[in-house]
């Protein structure tokens, strides 16, 4: 929906210079095959960095399905590993489109905030 609003100039976007990386949630990417829309939205509102973990190569946040199969310690380790990999790109912000991913990443040690893509778009409306 955000992609459509931006494409049709229905939002007055003021892009930021923030460098962002996108964590594509399991259900959005692998579950519904949505990869291009969030990238397009982030490119419109920020300086989206390309990573080795874009698209179908997105990392597991350690939430959702991981809860069924691994221990809490393993989930924490998985989450921190994902954050550490994203941080190698030196983003100002890590962006996701899933409240569970955001909550899971909130429990990690990180020097940059994690926000939902809708929050980033809202902030660009100035």
C-alpha atoms as a PDB file:
ATOM      1  CA  UNK A   1       0.000   0.000   0.000  1.00  0.00           C
ATOM      2  CA  UNK A   2       2.796   2.442   0.878  1.00  0.00           C
ATOM      3  CA  UNK A   3       4.503   1.628  -2.408  1.00  0.00           C
ATOM      4  CA  UNK A   4       1.344   2.563  -4.329  1.00  0.00           C
ATOM      5  CA  UNK A   5       0.893   5.826  -2.430  1.00  0.00           C
ATOM      6  CA  UNK A   6       4.490   6.810  -3.121  1.00  0.00           C
ATOM      7  CA  UNK A   7       4.341   5.777  -6.802  1.00  0.00           C
ATOM      8  CA  UNK A   8       1.212   7.864  -7.358  1.00  0.00           C
ATOM      9  CA  UNK A   9       2.619  10.889  -5.515  1.00  0.00           C
ATOM     10  CA  UNK A  10      -0.125  10.721  -2.908  1.00  0.00           C
ATOM     11  CA  UNK A  11       2.369  11.304  -0.112  1.00  0.00           C
ATOM     12  CA  UNK A  12       4.593  14.349   0.126  1.00  0.00           C
ATOM     13  CA  UNK A  13       7.891  12.628   0.865  1.00  0.00           C
ATOM     14  CA  UNK A  14      10.936  14.452   2.215  1.00  0.00           C
ATOM     15  CA  UNK A  15      13.662  11.811   1.871  1.00  0.00           C
ATOM     16  CA  UNK A  16      16.250  11.629   4.609  1.00  0.00           C
ATOM     17  CA  UNK A  17      19.946  10.954   4.201  1.00  0.00           C
ATOM     18  CA  UNK A  18      19.714   8.152   6.771  1.00  0.00           C
ATOM     19  CA  UNK A  19      21.441   4.988   5.631  1.00  0.00           C
ATOM     20  CA  UNK A  20      19.036   2.094   6.092  1.00  0.00           C
ATOM     21  CA  UNK A  21      19.180  -1.676   5.758  1.00  0.00           C
ATOM     22  CA  UNK A  22      16.002  -3.717   5.425  1.00  0.00           C
ATOM     23  CA  UNK A  23      15.301  -6.908   7.328  1.00  0.00           C
ATOM     24  CA  UNK A  24      12.701  -8.738   5.248  1.00  0.00           C
ATOM     25  CA  UNK A  25      10.430 -10.710   7.595  1.00  0.00           C
ATOM     26  CA  UNK A  26       9.794 -14.412   6.914  1.00  0.00           C
ATOM     27  CA  UNK A  27       6.082 -14.085   6.234  1.00  0.00           C
ATOM     28  CA  UNK A  28       6.414 -11.010   4.021  1.00  0.00           C
ATOM     29  CA  UNK A  29       9.251 -12.399   1.936  1.00  0.00           C
ATOM     30  CA  UNK A  30       9.219 -16.156   1.959  1.00  0.00           C
ATOM     31  CA  UNK A  31       5.536 -16.378   2.898  1.00  0.00           C
ATOM     32  CA  UNK A  32       4.058 -13.971   0.338  1.00  0.00           C
ATOM     33  CA  UNK A  33       7.018 -13.361  -2.012  1.00  0.00           C
ATOM     34  CA  UNK A  34       7.036  -9.600  -1.360  1.00  0.00           C
ATOM     35  CA  UNK A  35      10.555  -8.272  -1.854  1.00  0.00           C
ATOM     36  CA  UNK A  36      10.484  -5.325  -4.278  1.00  0.00           C
ATOM     37  CA  UNK A  37       7.863  -3.152  -2.542  1.00  0.00           C
ATOM     38  CA  UNK A  38       9.737  -2.518   0.729  1.00  0.00           C
ATOM     39  CA  UNK A  39      12.955  -1.821  -1.183  1.00  0.00           C
ATOM     40  CA  UNK A  40      11.188   0.709  -3.391  1.00  0.00           C
ATOM     41  CA  UNK A  41       9.600   2.392  -0.380  1.00  0.00           C
ATOM     42  CA  UNK A  42      12.896   2.632   1.525  1.00  0.00           C
ATOM     43  CA  UNK A  43      14.715   3.975  -1.537  1.00  0.00           C
ATOM     44  CA  UNK A  44      12.077   6.725  -1.762  1.00  0.00           C
ATOM     45  CA  UNK A  45      12.410   7.822   1.873  1.00  0.00           C
ATOM     46  CA  UNK A  46      16.055   7.091   2.764  1.00  0.00           C
ATOM     47  CA  UNK A  47      19.441   6.026   1.467  1.00  0.00           C
ATOM     48  CA  UNK A  48      18.755   2.282   1.347  1.00  0.00           C
ATOM     49  CA  UNK A  49      21.927   0.231   1.424  1.00  0.00           C
ATOM     50  CA  UNK A  50      22.156  -2.966  -0.598  1.00  0.00           C
ATOM     51  CA  UNK A  51      23.271  -5.930   1.501  1.00  0.00           C
ATOM     52  CA  UNK A  52      24.127  -9.572   0.939  1.00  0.00           C
ATOM     53  CA  UNK A  53      20.979 -10.320   2.966  1.00  0.00           C
ATOM     54  CA  UNK A  54      18.428  -8.600   0.738  1.00  0.00           C
ATOM     55  CA  UNK A  55      15.455 -10.435  -0.728  1.00  0.00           C
ATOM     56  CA  UNK A  56      15.357 -14.183  -0.371  1.00  0.00           C
ATOM     57  CA  UNK A  57      18.665 -14.135   1.509  1.00  0.00           C
ATOM     58  CA  UNK A  58      17.145 -12.277   4.470  1.00  0.00           C
ATOM     59  CA  UNK A  59      18.299 -13.440   7.884  1.00  0.00           C
ATOM     60  CA  UNK A  60      16.122 -14.957  10.603  1.00  0.00           C
ATOM     61  CA  UNK A  61      15.386 -12.544  13.454  1.00  0.00           C
ATOM     62  CA  UNK A  62      15.074 -15.393  15.950  1.00  0.00           C
ATOM     63  CA  UNK A  63      11.352 -14.892  16.559  1.00  0.00           C
ATOM     64  CA  UNK A  64       8.248 -16.547  15.108  1.00  0.00           C
ATOM     65  CA  UNK A  65       9.041 -20.012  13.756  1.00  0.00           C
ATOM     66  CA  UNK A  66      12.359 -20.125  15.564  1.00  0.00           C
ATOM     67  CA  UNK A  67      10.378 -20.154  18.830  1.00  0.00           C
ATOM     68  CA  UNK A  68       9.116 -23.621  18.053  1.00  0.00           C
ATOM     69  CA  UNK A  69      12.410 -25.257  17.228  1.00  0.00           C
ATOM     70  CA  UNK A  70      15.219 -23.706  19.290  1.00  0.00           C
ATOM     71  CA  UNK A  71      16.005 -22.629  22.845  1.00  0.00           C
ATOM     72  CA  UNK A  72      15.751 -19.060  24.144  1.00  0.00           C
ATOM     73  CA  UNK A  73      19.549 -18.816  24.224  1.00  0.00           C
ATOM     74  CA  UNK A  74      19.771 -19.934  20.591  1.00  0.00           C
ATOM     75  CA  UNK A  75      17.085 -17.393  19.599  1.00  0.00           C
ATOM     76  CA  UNK A  76      19.040 -14.603  21.297  1.00  0.00           C
ATOM     77  CA  UNK A  77      22.215 -15.725  19.553  1.00  0.00           C
ATOM     78  CA  UNK A  78      20.410 -15.860  16.190  1.00  0.00           C
ATOM     79  CA  UNK A  79      19.005 -12.341  16.691  1.00  0.00           C
ATOM     80  CA  UNK A  80      22.361 -10.894  17.678  1.00  0.00           C
ATOM     81  CA  UNK A  81      24.031 -12.608  14.722  1.00  0.00           C
ATOM     82  CA  UNK A  82      21.541 -11.006  12.318  1.00  0.00           C
ATOM     83  CA  UNK A  83      22.026  -7.565  13.883  1.00  0.00           C
ATOM     84  CA  UNK A  84      25.813  -7.933  13.770  1.00  0.00           C
ATOM     85  CA  UNK A  85      25.693  -8.837  10.080  1.00  0.00           C
ATOM     86  CA  UNK A  86      23.477  -5.859   9.248  1.00  0.00           C
ATOM     87  CA  UNK A  87      25.792  -3.573  11.215  1.00  0.00           C
ATOM     88  CA  UNK A  88      28.727  -4.434   8.950  1.00  0.00           C
ATOM     89  CA  UNK A  89      27.050  -2.125   6.397  1.00  0.00           C
ATOM     90  CA  UNK A  90      27.165   0.762   8.896  1.00  0.00           C
ATOM     91  CA  UNK A  91      23.500   1.765   8.690  1.00  0.00           C
ATOM     92  CA  UNK A  92      21.961   4.587  10.690  1.00  0.00           C
ATOM     93  CA  UNK A  93      18.803   2.522  11.012  1.00  0.00           C
ATOM     94  CA  UNK A  94      17.658  -1.084  10.652  1.00  0.00           C
ATOM     95  CA  UNK A  95      14.165  -1.295   9.177  1.00  0.00           C
ATOM     96  CA  UNK A  96      11.700  -4.172   9.169  1.00  0.00           C
ATOM     97  CA  UNK A  97       8.029  -4.666   8.358  1.00  0.00           C
ATOM     98  CA  UNK A  98       7.138  -7.022  11.199  1.00  0.00           C
ATOM     99  CA  UNK A  99       6.324  -6.117  14.796  1.00  0.00           C
ATOM    100  CA  UNK A 100       7.741  -9.433  16.052  1.00  0.00           C
ATOM    101  CA  UNK A 101      11.058  -8.866  14.250  1.00  0.00           C
ATOM    102  CA  UNK A 102      11.210  -5.371  15.734  1.00  0.00           C
ATOM    103  CA  UNK A 103      10.475  -6.711  19.230  1.00  0.00           C
ATOM    104  CA  UNK A 104      12.986  -9.547  18.845  1.00  0.00           C
ATOM    105  CA  UNK A 105      15.736  -7.201  17.655  1.00  0.00           C
ATOM    106  CA  UNK A 106      14.952  -4.821  20.542  1.00  0.00           C
ATOM    107  CA  UNK A 107      16.414  -7.434  22.898  1.00  0.00           C
ATOM    108  CA  UNK A 108      19.827  -7.353  21.191  1.00  0.00           C
ATOM    109  CA  UNK A 109      22.858  -5.161  21.745  1.00  0.00           C
ATOM    110  CA  UNK A 110      22.960  -2.623  18.932  1.00  0.00           C
ATOM    111  CA  UNK A 111      24.190   0.936  18.408  1.00  0.00           C
ATOM    112  CA  UNK A 112      21.399   1.849  15.965  1.00  0.00           C
ATOM    113  CA  UNK A 113      17.608   1.842  16.281  1.00  0.00           C
ATOM    114  CA  UNK A 114      15.281  -0.696  14.681  1.00  0.00           C
ATOM    115  CA  UNK A 115      12.086   0.759  13.217  1.00  0.00           C
ATOM    116  CA  UNK A 116       9.075  -0.407  11.275  1.00  0.00           C
ATOM    117  CA  UNK A 117       8.941   0.699   7.650  1.00  0.00           C
ATOM    118  CA  UNK A 118       5.690   2.594   8.335  1.00  0.00           C
ATOM    119  CA  UNK A 119       7.476   4.630  11.030  1.00  0.00           C
ATOM    120  CA  UNK A 120      10.226   5.573   8.584  1.00  0.00           C
ATOM    121  CA  UNK A 121       7.673   6.636   5.969  1.00  0.00           C
ATOM    122  CA  UNK A 122       5.726   8.655   8.562  1.00  0.00           C
ATOM    123  CA  UNK A 123       8.915  10.453   9.610  1.00  0.00           C
ATOM    124  CA  UNK A 124       9.610  11.345   5.972  1.00  0.00           C
ATOM    125  CA  UNK A 125       6.304  13.198   5.716  1.00  0.00           C
ATOM    126  CA  UNK A 126       7.780  16.004   7.820  1.00  0.00           C
END
